[in-house]
Amino acid sequence: MLDWDHNRYYQRVLLRQLPRRCRRAVDIGCGAGEFAVELARRCDHVDAVDRSAEMIAAAERRTPENVNCVLADVLTDPIPGEDYDAIVSITALHHMPLEQILPVLADALRPGGVLAAVALPRTDLPRELPVEIGAAIAHRVFGAVFLATRMLGGGGFANDNRRGAMPVVLDPPLTTRQVAEVAATLLPGARVRRLLFWRYRITWHKPAVSSAAGSAQR
């Protein structure tokens, strides 16, 4: 009864990272399309990509006309567009080798575009023990508040039953600290932060002008 949807809770974190004027965005690992619906309210066009045919079928049923749902594995298939203003992802990056997927996503961004993702870290004890304890307590407290909100007719971050077929990784490969190390190498300037409810966030703004182009202009 007190369980609730952490992914839905963190959607707003990623929405705050979108550029003020967002023409094109892509949702990597879109699942049943819930977040793509939110993106479509803020972007002119959204590509929603997932490697599960069942998830893409569910996304096609719920998304508006400005969302293009694409069945593809971004590690082996081309991303459906390029020069995106924003690339976003919720709980998908830990399903992929980070050192392979980050360069692919970086190439698909326009200069000045933003990459923003939330994913699951591997437990890092004892370093993150205080966070783990705080998350366990806060999860129940927030759950009680959200349950009361739902009983009064509000949203309350209820779990989405349409996610039943989505793959689940019980033991993610990288800790938040290791994610930060990989990101620092591949995406200089990337910011990685551990979030309370068993997620990390990575954000990166692609340089508006490459260093080579900048040197040529000086």
N, C-alpha and C. Protein backbone atom coordinates (compact mmCIF):
# COMPACT_ATOMS: atom_id res chain seq x y z
N MET A 1 0.81 -1.21 0.00
CA MET A 1 0.00 0.00 0.00
C MET A 1 0.86 1.27 0.00
N LEU A 2 2.02 1.19 0.66
CA LEU A 2 2.86 2.38 0.77
C LEU A 2 3.91 2.46 -0.33
N ASP A 3 3.94 1.49 -1.25
CA ASP A 3 4.88 1.58 -2.37
C ASP A 3 4.41 2.66 -3.34
N TRP A 4 5.36 3.26 -4.01
CA TRP A 4 5.05 4.30 -4.99
C TRP A 4 6.13 4.32 -6.05
N ASP A 5 5.89 5.10 -7.09
CA ASP A 5 6.69 5.05 -8.32
C ASP A 5 7.84 6.06 -8.27
N HIS A 6 9.05 5.56 -8.03
CA HIS A 6 10.22 6.44 -7.98
C HIS A 6 10.51 7.06 -9.34
N ASN A 7 10.31 6.30 -10.40
CA ASN A 7 10.58 6.84 -11.73
C ASN A 7 9.69 8.04 -12.02
N ARG A 8 8.42 7.90 -11.72
CA ARG A 8 7.49 9.00 -11.95
C ARG A 8 7.86 10.21 -11.10
N TYR A 9 8.29 9.96 -9.89
CA TYR A 9 8.70 11.03 -8.97
C TYR A 9 9.85 11.84 -9.56
N TYR A 10 10.80 11.14 -10.23
CA TYR A 10 11.98 11.83 -10.75
C TYR A 10 11.79 12.38 -12.17
N GLN A 11 10.62 12.19 -12.77
CA GLN A 11 10.38 12.79 -14.08
C GLN A 11 10.57 14.31 -14.02
N ARG A 12 10.08 14.94 -12.98
CA ARG A 12 10.16 16.39 -12.88
C ARG A 12 11.60 16.87 -12.79
N VAL A 13 12.49 16.02 -12.23
CA VAL A 13 13.90 16.38 -12.17
C VAL A 13 14.48 16.53 -13.57
N LEU A 14 14.11 15.61 -14.47
CA LEU A 14 14.60 15.68 -15.84
C LEU A 14 13.91 16.79 -16.63
N LEU A 15 12.64 17.00 -16.38
CA LEU A 15 11.93 18.06 -17.11
C LEU A 15 12.55 19.42 -16.83
N ARG A 16 13.08 19.61 -15.63
CA ARG A 16 13.72 20.89 -15.30
C ARG A 16 15.02 21.10 -16.07
N GLN A 17 15.58 20.04 -16.63
CA GLN A 17 16.83 20.17 -17.37
C GLN A 17 16.63 20.54 -18.84
N LEU A 18 15.38 20.51 -19.32
CA LEU A 18 15.13 20.77 -20.74
C LEU A 18 15.47 22.22 -21.09
N PRO A 19 15.96 22.45 -22.29
CA PRO A 19 16.17 23.83 -22.74
C PRO A 19 14.84 24.59 -22.78
N ARG A 20 14.91 25.88 -22.60
CA ARG A 20 13.68 26.68 -22.63
C ARG A 20 12.94 26.50 -23.94
N ARG A 21 13.67 26.46 -25.03
CA ARG A 21 13.07 26.21 -26.35
C ARG A 21 13.55 24.84 -26.82
N CYS A 22 12.69 23.87 -26.72
CA CYS A 22 13.06 22.50 -27.06
C CYS A 22 12.28 22.05 -28.30
N ARG A 23 12.96 22.02 -29.42
CA ARG A 23 12.30 21.60 -30.66
C ARG A 23 12.22 20.08 -30.75
N ARG A 24 13.35 19.41 -30.51
CA ARG A 24 13.40 17.96 -30.70
C ARG A 24 14.06 17.31 -29.50
N ALA A 25 13.42 16.26 -29.02
CA ALA A 25 13.97 15.49 -27.91
C ALA A 25 13.80 14.01 -28.20
N VAL A 26 14.62 13.19 -27.54
CA VAL A 26 14.49 11.75 -27.67
C VAL A 26 14.51 11.14 -26.28
N ASP A 27 13.59 10.21 -26.06
CA ASP A 27 13.48 9.49 -24.79
C ASP A 27 14.06 8.09 -25.01
N ILE A 28 15.21 7.82 -24.39
CA ILE A 28 15.89 6.54 -24.57
C ILE A 28 15.37 5.55 -23.53
N GLY A 29 14.87 4.40 -24.01
CA GLY A 29 14.27 3.43 -23.10
C GLY A 29 12.93 3.94 -22.60
N CYS A 30 12.04 4.28 -23.53
CA CYS A 30 10.81 5.00 -23.21
C CYS A 30 9.78 4.15 -22.47
N GLY A 31 9.94 2.81 -22.49
CA GLY A 31 8.95 1.96 -21.83
C GLY A 31 7.57 2.16 -22.42
N ALA A 32 6.57 2.27 -21.56
CA ALA A 32 5.18 2.40 -22.02
C ALA A 32 4.82 3.83 -22.42
N GLY A 33 5.79 4.74 -22.43
CA GLY A 33 5.58 6.06 -23.01
C GLY A 33 5.09 7.13 -22.06
N GLU A 34 5.06 6.85 -20.76
CA GLU A 34 4.54 7.83 -19.81
C GLU A 34 5.34 9.13 -19.83
N PHE A 35 6.66 9.02 -19.79
CA PHE A 35 7.48 10.23 -19.77
C PHE A 35 7.45 10.93 -21.13
N ALA A 36 7.33 10.17 -22.21
CA ALA A 36 7.25 10.77 -23.54
C ALA A 36 6.03 11.68 -23.65
N VAL A 37 4.95 11.32 -22.96
CA VAL A 37 3.75 12.17 -22.95
C VAL A 37 4.08 13.52 -22.31
N GLU A 38 4.82 13.49 -21.20
CA GLU A 38 5.20 14.74 -20.54
C GLU A 38 6.14 15.56 -21.43
N LEU A 39 7.07 14.89 -22.08
CA LEU A 39 7.99 15.60 -22.98
C LEU A 39 7.24 16.26 -24.12
N ALA A 40 6.21 15.59 -24.62
CA ALA A 40 5.46 16.10 -25.77
C ALA A 40 4.75 17.41 -25.45
N ARG A 41 4.51 17.67 -24.17
CA ARG A 41 3.88 18.93 -23.76
C ARG A 41 4.87 20.09 -23.79
N ARG A 42 6.16 19.76 -23.83
CA ARG A 42 7.20 20.79 -23.74
C ARG A 42 8.10 20.86 -24.97
N CYS A 43 7.99 19.87 -25.85
CA CYS A 43 8.84 19.81 -27.04
C CYS A 43 7.96 19.70 -28.28
N ASP A 44 8.46 20.27 -29.38
CA ASP A 44 7.70 20.19 -30.63
C ASP A 44 7.60 18.77 -31.15
N HIS A 45 8.70 18.02 -31.01
CA HIS A 45 8.73 16.63 -31.52
C HIS A 45 9.53 15.77 -30.56
N VAL A 46 9.03 14.57 -30.31
CA VAL A 46 9.71 13.63 -29.43
C VAL A 46 9.83 12.27 -30.12
N ASP A 47 11.04 11.74 -30.14
CA ASP A 47 11.26 10.35 -30.54
C ASP A 47 11.32 9.51 -29.27
N ALA A 48 10.46 8.50 -29.19
CA ALA A 48 10.43 7.60 -28.03
C ALA A 48 10.95 6.25 -28.47
N VAL A 49 12.10 5.84 -27.91
CA VAL A 49 12.82 4.66 -28.40
C VAL A 49 12.88 3.59 -27.32
N ASP A 50 12.58 2.35 -27.70
CA ASP A 50 12.71 1.23 -26.78
C ASP A 50 12.97 -0.03 -27.60
N ARG A 51 13.69 -0.98 -26.99
CA ARG A 51 14.00 -2.23 -27.71
C ARG A 51 12.96 -3.30 -27.49
N SER A 52 11.92 -3.01 -26.68
CA SER A 52 10.85 -3.96 -26.43
C SER A 52 9.64 -3.65 -27.31
N ALA A 53 9.25 -4.61 -28.14
CA ALA A 53 8.09 -4.41 -29.01
C ALA A 53 6.82 -4.20 -28.19
N GLU A 54 6.71 -4.89 -27.07
CA GLU A 54 5.54 -4.74 -26.21
C GLU A 54 5.46 -3.34 -25.62
N MET A 55 6.60 -2.79 -25.21
CA MET A 55 6.60 -1.44 -24.66
C MET A 55 6.29 -0.40 -25.73
N ILE A 56 6.82 -0.57 -26.92
CA ILE A 56 6.55 0.38 -28.00
C ILE A 56 5.06 0.34 -28.37
N ALA A 57 4.47 -0.84 -28.38
CA ALA A 57 3.04 -0.93 -28.67
C ALA A 57 2.22 -0.19 -27.62
N ALA A 58 2.63 -0.32 -26.35
CA ALA A 58 1.94 0.40 -25.28
C ALA A 58 2.14 1.91 -25.41
N ALA A 59 3.35 2.31 -25.78
CA ALA A 59 3.64 3.74 -25.94
C ALA A 59 2.84 4.34 -27.08
N GLU A 60 2.69 3.60 -28.17
CA GLU A 60 1.92 4.10 -29.31
C GLU A 60 0.46 4.34 -28.95
N ARG A 61 -0.05 3.57 -28.01
CA ARG A 61 -1.45 3.72 -27.61
C ARG A 61 -1.70 4.95 -26.74
N ARG A 62 -0.65 5.44 -26.08
CA ARG A 62 -0.90 6.51 -25.11
C ARG A 62 -0.30 7.85 -25.50
N THR A 63 0.61 7.89 -26.47
CA THR A 63 1.31 9.15 -26.78
C THR A 63 0.58 9.96 -27.85
N PRO A 64 0.74 11.29 -27.82
CA PRO A 64 0.09 12.16 -28.81
C PRO A 64 0.80 12.12 -30.17
N GLU A 65 0.28 12.88 -31.11
CA GLU A 65 0.76 12.81 -32.49
C GLU A 65 2.19 13.31 -32.66
N ASN A 66 2.65 14.18 -31.79
CA ASN A 66 4.02 14.69 -31.96
C ASN A 66 5.08 13.78 -31.34
N VAL A 67 4.69 12.55 -30.97
CA VAL A 67 5.64 11.55 -30.49
C VAL A 67 5.77 10.44 -31.52
N ASN A 68 7.00 10.17 -31.92
CA ASN A 68 7.31 9.10 -32.86
C ASN A 68 7.89 7.93 -32.09
N CYS A 69 7.15 6.84 -31.96
CA CYS A 69 7.59 5.67 -31.20
C CYS A 69 8.40 4.75 -32.11
N VAL A 70 9.61 4.39 -31.68
CA VAL A 70 10.54 3.66 -32.52
C VAL A 70 11.04 2.42 -31.80
N LEU A 71 10.87 1.27 -32.42
CA LEU A 71 11.41 0.02 -31.90
C LEU A 71 12.87 -0.09 -32.35
N ALA A 72 13.79 0.04 -31.40
CA ALA A 72 15.21 0.01 -31.74
C ALA A 72 16.04 -0.21 -30.48
N ASP A 73 17.20 -0.79 -30.68
CA ASP A 73 18.21 -0.92 -29.63
C ASP A 73 19.31 0.09 -29.94
N VAL A 74 19.44 1.11 -29.14
CA VAL A 74 20.35 2.21 -29.48
C VAL A 74 21.81 1.80 -29.48
N LEU A 75 22.12 0.62 -28.94
CA LEU A 75 23.50 0.14 -29.00
C LEU A 75 23.84 -0.47 -30.35
N THR A 76 22.81 -0.92 -31.08
CA THR A 76 23.05 -1.58 -32.36
C THR A 76 22.33 -0.92 -33.53
N ASP A 77 21.30 -0.15 -33.25
CA ASP A 77 20.52 0.51 -34.30
C ASP A 77 20.74 2.02 -34.24
N PRO A 78 20.65 2.70 -35.37
CA PRO A 78 20.82 4.15 -35.35
C PRO A 78 19.71 4.82 -34.54
N ILE A 79 20.08 5.86 -33.80
CA ILE A 79 19.07 6.69 -33.16
C ILE A 79 18.28 7.38 -34.27
N PRO A 80 16.94 7.49 -34.14
CA PRO A 80 16.12 7.94 -35.27
C PRO A 80 16.35 9.36 -35.73
N GLY A 81 17.13 10.16 -35.01
CA GLY A 81 17.38 11.53 -35.44
C GLY A 81 18.76 11.99 -35.03
N GLU A 82 19.01 13.26 -35.22
CA GLU A 82 20.29 13.86 -34.82
C GLU A 82 20.05 15.32 -34.47
N ASP A 83 21.06 15.95 -33.93
CA ASP A 83 20.96 17.35 -33.52
C ASP A 83 19.78 17.60 -32.58
N TYR A 84 19.63 16.69 -31.61
CA TYR A 84 18.55 16.85 -30.63
C TYR A 84 18.87 18.00 -29.68
N ASP A 85 17.84 18.71 -29.29
CA ASP A 85 17.99 19.71 -28.24
C ASP A 85 18.16 19.05 -26.87
N ALA A 86 17.52 17.89 -26.70
CA ALA A 86 17.60 17.18 -25.42
C ALA A 86 17.53 15.67 -25.65
N ILE A 87 18.36 14.95 -24.93
CA ILE A 87 18.29 13.50 -24.86
C ILE A 87 18.05 13.14 -23.40
N VAL A 88 16.97 12.42 -23.15
CA VAL A 88 16.59 12.10 -21.77
C VAL A 88 16.37 10.60 -21.64
N SER A 89 16.46 10.13 -20.41
CA SER A 89 16.27 8.70 -20.17
C SER A 89 15.96 8.48 -18.68
N ILE A 90 14.99 7.62 -18.41
CA ILE A 90 14.66 7.26 -17.05
C ILE A 90 14.82 5.75 -16.87
N THR A 91 15.74 5.38 -16.01
CA THR A 91 15.95 3.99 -15.61
C THR A 91 16.21 3.08 -16.80
N ALA A 92 17.15 3.51 -17.66
CA ALA A 92 17.53 2.68 -18.80
C ALA A 92 19.04 2.54 -18.95
N LEU A 93 19.80 3.56 -18.57
CA LEU A 93 21.24 3.53 -18.83
C LEU A 93 21.95 2.38 -18.13
N HIS A 94 21.45 1.95 -16.99
CA HIS A 94 22.14 0.87 -16.28
C HIS A 94 21.93 -0.49 -16.95
N HIS A 95 21.09 -0.52 -18.00
CA HIS A 95 20.92 -1.74 -18.80
C HIS A 95 21.98 -1.83 -19.90
N MET A 96 22.79 -0.79 -20.07
CA MET A 96 23.73 -0.72 -21.18
C MET A 96 25.13 -0.44 -20.67
N PRO A 97 26.16 -0.88 -21.41
CA PRO A 97 27.53 -0.49 -21.05
C PRO A 97 27.69 1.01 -21.20
N LEU A 98 27.96 1.70 -20.10
CA LEU A 98 27.97 3.15 -20.11
C LEU A 98 29.03 3.70 -21.05
N GLU A 99 30.18 3.02 -21.12
CA GLU A 99 31.25 3.52 -21.98
C GLU A 99 30.89 3.41 -23.46
N GLN A 100 29.89 2.59 -23.79
CA GLN A 100 29.44 2.49 -25.18
C GLN A 100 28.31 3.46 -25.50
N ILE A 101 27.37 3.60 -24.59
CA ILE A 101 26.18 4.39 -24.90
C ILE A 101 26.42 5.89 -24.79
N LEU A 102 27.28 6.35 -23.88
CA LEU A 102 27.45 7.80 -23.72
C LEU A 102 27.98 8.48 -24.99
N PRO A 103 28.98 7.91 -25.69
CA PRO A 103 29.41 8.56 -26.93
C PRO A 103 28.33 8.58 -28.00
N VAL A 104 27.50 7.54 -28.05
CA VAL A 104 26.40 7.50 -29.03
C VAL A 104 25.43 8.65 -28.76
N LEU A 105 25.08 8.83 -27.50
CA LEU A 105 24.15 9.89 -27.15
C LEU A 105 24.77 11.27 -27.37
N ALA A 106 26.04 11.41 -27.05
CA ALA A 106 26.71 12.70 -27.25
C ALA A 106 26.71 13.10 -28.72
N ASP A 107 26.94 12.13 -29.60
CA ASP A 107 26.97 12.42 -31.03
C ASP A 107 25.60 12.88 -31.55
N ALA A 108 24.53 12.42 -30.92
CA ALA A 108 23.18 12.74 -31.39
C ALA A 108 22.68 14.09 -30.90
N LEU A 109 23.42 14.73 -29.99
CA LEU A 109 23.03 16.05 -29.48
C LEU A 109 23.53 17.16 -30.39
N ARG A 110 22.75 18.20 -30.51
CA ARG A 110 23.24 19.40 -31.18
C ARG A 110 24.22 20.13 -30.26
N PRO A 111 25.12 20.93 -30.80
CA PRO A 111 25.96 21.76 -29.93
C PRO A 111 25.09 22.63 -29.03
N GLY A 112 25.36 22.60 -27.74
CA GLY A 112 24.55 23.32 -26.77
C GLY A 112 23.39 22.52 -26.23
N GLY A 113 23.16 21.32 -26.76
CA GLY A 113 22.07 20.47 -26.28
C GLY A 113 22.40 19.83 -24.94
N VAL A 114 21.40 19.23 -24.31
CA VAL A 114 21.57 18.67 -22.98
C VAL A 114 21.21 17.19 -22.95
N LEU A 115 22.05 16.44 -22.26
CA LEU A 115 21.79 15.04 -21.94
C LEU A 115 21.41 14.98 -20.47
N ALA A 116 20.27 14.39 -20.15
CA ALA A 116 19.83 14.27 -18.76
C ALA A 116 19.21 12.90 -18.56
N ALA A 117 19.73 12.16 -17.60
CA ALA A 117 19.24 10.81 -17.38
C ALA A 117 19.22 10.49 -15.89
N VAL A 118 18.29 9.62 -15.53
CA VAL A 118 18.21 9.06 -14.19
C VAL A 118 18.30 7.56 -14.33
N ALA A 119 19.15 6.92 -13.53
CA ALA A 119 19.31 5.47 -13.62
C ALA A 119 19.64 4.90 -12.24
N LEU A 120 19.71 3.58 -12.17
CA LEU A 120 19.96 2.90 -10.90
C LEU A 120 21.45 2.68 -10.69
N PRO A 121 21.96 3.04 -9.51
CA PRO A 121 23.36 2.74 -9.20
C PRO A 121 23.48 1.42 -8.44
N ARG A 122 24.65 0.86 -8.48
CA ARG A 122 24.98 -0.28 -7.62
C ARG A 122 25.16 0.23 -6.18
N THR A 123 24.71 -0.54 -5.22
CA THR A 123 24.86 -0.14 -3.82
C THR A 123 26.34 0.01 -3.48
N ASP A 124 26.66 1.12 -2.82
CA ASP A 124 28.05 1.44 -2.51
C ASP A 124 28.20 1.59 -0.99
N LEU A 125 28.26 0.45 -0.31
CA LEU A 125 28.42 0.45 1.15
C LEU A 125 29.89 0.24 1.52
N PRO A 126 30.36 0.85 2.60
CA PRO A 126 29.62 1.70 3.56
C PRO A 126 29.54 3.17 3.17
N ARG A 127 30.11 3.54 2.00
CA ARG A 127 30.18 4.95 1.61
C ARG A 127 28.80 5.61 1.62
N GLU A 128 27.79 4.92 1.13
CA GLU A 128 26.47 5.54 0.99
C GLU A 128 25.47 5.00 2.02
N LEU A 129 25.95 4.45 3.10
CA LEU A 129 25.05 3.90 4.11
C LEU A 129 24.06 4.94 4.64
N PRO A 130 24.49 6.17 4.97
CA PRO A 130 23.52 7.16 5.44
C PRO A 130 22.41 7.44 4.43
N VAL A 131 22.77 7.46 3.14
CA VAL A 131 21.75 7.71 2.11
C VAL A 131 20.78 6.54 2.04
N GLU A 132 21.30 5.31 2.14
CA GLU A 132 20.44 4.13 2.08
C GLU A 132 19.46 4.11 3.24
N ILE A 133 19.93 4.44 4.42
CA ILE A 133 19.05 4.47 5.59
C ILE A 133 18.00 5.56 5.44
N GLY A 134 18.44 6.74 4.99
CA GLY A 134 17.50 7.84 4.78
C GLY A 134 16.46 7.51 3.73
N ALA A 135 16.87 6.82 2.67
CA ALA A 135 15.93 6.46 1.61
C ALA A 135 14.88 5.48 2.12
N ALA A 136 15.31 4.49 2.91
CA ALA A 136 14.37 3.50 3.42
C ALA A 136 13.31 4.16 4.30
N ILE A 137 13.73 5.10 5.14
CA ILE A 137 12.78 5.79 6.02
C ILE A 137 11.88 6.71 5.21
N ALA A 138 12.48 7.52 4.35
CA ALA A 138 11.70 8.49 3.57
C ALA A 138 10.73 7.80 2.62
N HIS A 139 11.11 6.63 2.11
CA HIS A 139 10.22 5.90 1.20
C HIS A 139 8.88 5.60 1.88
N ARG A 140 8.91 5.17 3.12
CA ARG A 140 7.68 4.85 3.84
C ARG A 140 6.91 6.12 4.20
N VAL A 141 7.63 7.16 4.61
CA VAL A 141 6.95 8.41 4.96
C VAL A 141 6.27 9.01 3.73
N PHE A 142 7.04 9.10 2.63
CA PHE A 142 6.45 9.65 1.41
C PHE A 142 5.30 8.76 0.93
N GLY A 143 5.48 7.44 1.08
CA GLY A 143 4.43 6.52 0.65
C GLY A 143 3.12 6.78 1.37
N ALA A 144 3.19 7.05 2.67
CA ALA A 144 1.98 7.35 3.43
C ALA A 144 1.33 8.64 2.95
N VAL A 145 2.17 9.65 2.68
CA VAL A 145 1.65 10.93 2.18
C VAL A 145 1.00 10.75 0.81
N PHE A 146 1.68 10.03 -0.07
CA PHE A 146 1.14 9.84 -1.43
C PHE A 146 -0.12 8.99 -1.42
N LEU A 147 -0.20 8.00 -0.52
CA LEU A 147 -1.41 7.20 -0.39
C LEU A 147 -2.59 8.08 0.02
N ALA A 148 -2.35 8.95 0.99
CA ALA A 148 -3.41 9.86 1.42
C ALA A 148 -3.83 10.78 0.28
N THR A 149 -2.86 11.23 -0.51
CA THR A 149 -3.16 12.10 -1.65
C THR A 149 -4.04 11.38 -2.66
N ARG A 150 -3.71 10.10 -2.94
CA ARG A 150 -4.51 9.33 -3.89
C ARG A 150 -5.93 9.10 -3.36
N MET A 151 -6.05 8.87 -2.07
CA MET A 151 -7.37 8.64 -1.48
C MET A 151 -8.23 9.89 -1.56
N LEU A 152 -7.58 11.06 -1.62
CA LEU A 152 -8.30 12.32 -1.74
C LEU A 152 -8.50 12.73 -3.19
N GLY A 153 -8.10 11.85 -4.11
CA GLY A 153 -8.33 12.11 -5.53
C GLY A 153 -7.15 12.69 -6.27
N GLY A 154 -5.99 12.80 -5.62
CA GLY A 154 -4.81 13.33 -6.28
C GLY A 154 -4.01 12.25 -6.98
N GLY A 155 -2.85 12.65 -7.52
CA GLY A 155 -2.01 11.70 -8.25
C GLY A 155 -1.25 10.76 -7.33
N GLY A 156 -0.36 11.33 -6.54
CA GLY A 156 0.33 10.53 -5.54
C GLY A 156 1.35 9.53 -6.06
N PHE A 157 1.83 9.67 -7.29
CA PHE A 157 2.91 8.83 -7.82
C PHE A 157 2.60 7.34 -7.70
N ALA A 158 1.40 6.95 -8.08
CA ALA A 158 1.02 5.53 -8.04
C ALA A 158 1.84 4.74 -9.05
N ASN A 159 2.10 3.47 -8.74
CA ASN A 159 2.81 2.61 -9.67
C ASN A 159 1.99 2.40 -10.93
N ASP A 160 2.68 2.34 -12.07
CA ASP A 160 2.04 2.15 -13.37
C ASP A 160 2.05 0.66 -13.69
N ASN A 161 0.87 0.04 -13.74
CA ASN A 161 0.79 -1.40 -13.99
C ASN A 161 1.24 -1.78 -15.39
N ARG A 162 1.30 -0.81 -16.31
CA ARG A 162 1.72 -1.12 -17.68
C ARG A 162 3.22 -1.39 -17.77
N ARG A 163 3.96 -1.22 -16.68
CA ARG A 163 5.40 -1.47 -16.71
C ARG A 163 5.74 -2.92 -16.41
N GLY A 164 4.76 -3.77 -16.30
CA GLY A 164 5.00 -5.14 -15.88
C GLY A 164 6.00 -5.90 -16.74
N ALA A 165 6.05 -5.58 -18.05
CA ALA A 165 6.94 -6.31 -18.95
C ALA A 165 8.31 -5.67 -19.07
N MET A 166 8.54 -4.57 -18.40
CA MET A 166 9.83 -3.90 -18.50
C MET A 166 10.90 -4.71 -17.79
N PRO A 167 12.10 -4.80 -18.36
CA PRO A 167 13.18 -5.54 -17.71
C PRO A 167 13.62 -4.87 -16.42
N VAL A 168 14.03 -5.66 -15.45
CA VAL A 168 14.46 -5.17 -14.16
C VAL A 168 15.89 -5.66 -13.88
N VAL A 169 16.77 -4.75 -13.52
CA VAL A 169 18.14 -5.10 -13.14
C VAL A 169 18.22 -5.04 -11.62
N LEU A 170 18.41 -6.18 -10.98
CA LEU A 170 18.45 -6.23 -9.53
C LEU A 170 19.81 -5.81 -8.98
N ASP A 171 20.84 -5.89 -9.82
CA ASP A 171 22.20 -5.57 -9.36
C ASP A 171 22.89 -4.73 -10.43
N PRO A 172 22.64 -3.42 -10.48
CA PRO A 172 23.26 -2.57 -11.50
C PRO A 172 24.78 -2.68 -11.46
N PRO A 173 25.44 -2.50 -12.60
CA PRO A 173 26.88 -2.77 -12.67
C PRO A 173 27.77 -1.73 -12.03
N LEU A 174 27.34 -0.45 -11.95
CA LEU A 174 28.23 0.62 -11.52
C LEU A 174 27.65 1.39 -10.33
N THR A 175 28.52 1.74 -9.40
CA THR A 175 28.13 2.65 -8.33
C THR A 175 28.06 4.07 -8.89
N THR A 176 27.46 4.97 -8.13
CA THR A 176 27.40 6.37 -8.56
C THR A 176 28.80 6.92 -8.77
N ARG A 177 29.72 6.57 -7.89
CA ARG A 177 31.10 7.04 -8.00
C ARG A 177 31.74 6.53 -9.30
N GLN A 178 31.49 5.28 -9.67
CA GLN A 178 32.04 4.73 -10.90
C GLN A 178 31.41 5.37 -12.13
N VAL A 179 30.11 5.65 -12.06
CA VAL A 179 29.44 6.36 -13.15
C VAL A 179 30.09 7.72 -13.36
N ALA A 180 30.37 8.42 -12.27
CA ALA A 180 31.00 9.74 -12.37
C ALA A 180 32.37 9.64 -13.03
N GLU A 181 33.13 8.58 -12.72
CA GLU A 181 34.45 8.40 -13.31
C GLU A 181 34.36 8.17 -14.82
N VAL A 182 33.41 7.33 -15.24
CA VAL A 182 33.23 7.07 -16.67
C VAL A 182 32.78 8.34 -17.38
N ALA A 183 31.82 9.03 -16.79
CA ALA A 183 31.28 10.25 -17.42
C ALA A 183 32.35 11.33 -17.53
N ALA A 184 33.20 11.46 -16.53
CA ALA A 184 34.24 12.48 -16.57
C ALA A 184 35.21 12.24 -17.71
N THR A 185 35.45 10.99 -18.04
CA THR A 185 36.35 10.65 -19.13
C THR A 185 35.72 10.89 -20.50
N LEU A 186 34.45 10.51 -20.64
CA LEU A 186 33.79 10.56 -21.94
C LEU A 186 33.07 11.87 -22.21
N LEU A 187 32.58 12.49 -21.16
CA LEU A 187 31.80 13.73 -21.29
C LEU A 187 32.36 14.77 -20.32
N PRO A 188 33.47 15.38 -20.64
CA PRO A 188 34.05 16.36 -19.72
C PRO A 188 33.04 17.43 -19.33
N GLY A 189 32.95 17.67 -18.04
CA GLY A 189 32.00 18.64 -17.54
C GLY A 189 30.67 18.04 -17.11
N ALA A 190 30.49 16.73 -17.33
CA ALA A 190 29.25 16.08 -16.91
C ALA A 190 29.12 16.11 -15.39
N ARG A 191 27.89 16.22 -14.92
CA ARG A 191 27.63 16.21 -13.48
C ARG A 191 26.85 14.95 -13.12
N VAL A 192 27.34 14.25 -12.13
CA VAL A 192 26.68 13.02 -11.65
C VAL A 192 26.37 13.20 -10.17
N ARG A 193 25.13 12.95 -9.81
CA ARG A 193 24.71 13.15 -8.43
C ARG A 193 23.87 11.96 -7.97
N ARG A 194 24.15 11.43 -6.79
CA ARG A 194 23.32 10.40 -6.21
C ARG A 194 22.02 11.04 -5.71
N LEU A 195 20.89 10.48 -6.12
CA LEU A 195 19.59 10.92 -5.64
C LEU A 195 19.14 10.03 -4.48
N LEU A 196 18.21 10.51 -3.70
CA LEU A 196 17.83 9.80 -2.48
C LEU A 196 17.23 8.44 -2.76
N PHE A 197 16.26 8.37 -3.65
CA PHE A 197 15.48 7.15 -3.80
C PHE A 197 16.09 6.21 -4.86
N TRP A 198 17.28 5.70 -4.56
CA TRP A 198 17.92 4.62 -5.31
C TRP A 198 18.08 4.94 -6.79
N ARG A 199 18.49 6.16 -7.06
CA ARG A 199 18.76 6.60 -8.43
C ARG A 199 19.98 7.51 -8.41
N TYR A 200 20.62 7.65 -9.57
CA TYR A 200 21.58 8.74 -9.76
C TYR A 200 21.11 9.55 -10.96
N ARG A 201 21.58 10.79 -11.03
CA ARG A 201 21.27 11.66 -12.16
C ARG A 201 22.56 12.07 -12.84
N ILE A 202 22.58 12.00 -14.15
CA ILE A 202 23.70 12.51 -14.94
C ILE A 202 23.18 13.59 -15.87
N THR A 203 23.86 14.72 -15.89
CA THR A 203 23.52 15.81 -16.80
C THR A 203 24.78 16.30 -17.49
N TRP A 204 24.64 16.61 -18.76
CA TRP A 204 25.79 17.10 -19.54
C TRP A 204 25.28 18.04 -20.62
N HIS A 205 25.90 19.20 -20.69
CA HIS A 205 25.60 20.16 -21.75
C HIS A 205 26.71 20.09 -22.79
N LYS A 206 26.34 19.73 -23.99
CA LYS A 206 27.34 19.63 -25.05
C LYS A 206 27.87 21.01 -25.38
N PRO A 207 29.19 21.16 -25.46
CA PRO A 207 29.75 22.48 -25.76
C PRO A 207 29.15 23.07 -27.03
N ALA A 208 28.83 24.35 -26.97
CA ALA A 208 28.21 25.01 -28.12
C ALA A 208 29.17 25.11 -29.29
N VAL A 209 30.47 25.23 -28.98
CA VAL A 209 31.50 25.29 -30.02
C VAL A 209 32.60 24.34 -29.61
N SER A 210 33.02 23.47 -30.54
CA SER A 210 34.09 22.54 -30.22
C SER A 210 35.40 23.29 -29.99
N SER A 211 36.31 22.66 -29.25
CA SER A 211 37.59 23.31 -28.98
C SER A 211 38.37 23.59 -30.26
N ALA A 212 38.26 22.69 -31.24
CA ALA A 212 38.98 22.89 -32.51
C ALA A 212 38.42 24.10 -33.25
N ALA A 213 37.06 24.20 -33.27
CA ALA A 213 36.45 25.33 -33.96
C ALA A 213 36.77 26.63 -33.24
N GLY A 214 36.75 26.55 -31.90
CA GLY A 214 37.06 27.75 -31.12
C GLY A 214 38.47 28.24 -31.38
N SER A 215 39.43 27.31 -31.51
CA SER A 215 40.82 27.70 -31.76
C SER A 215 40.93 28.34 -33.14
N ALA A 216 40.17 27.81 -34.11
CA ALA A 216 40.25 28.36 -35.47
C ALA A 216 39.72 29.78 -35.54
N GLN A 217 38.71 30.08 -34.64
CA GLN A 217 38.12 31.41 -34.69
C GLN A 217 38.99 32.45 -34.02
N ARG A 218 39.91 32.03 -33.13
CA ARG A 218 40.73 33.01 -32.42
C ARG A 218 41.92 33.47 -33.26
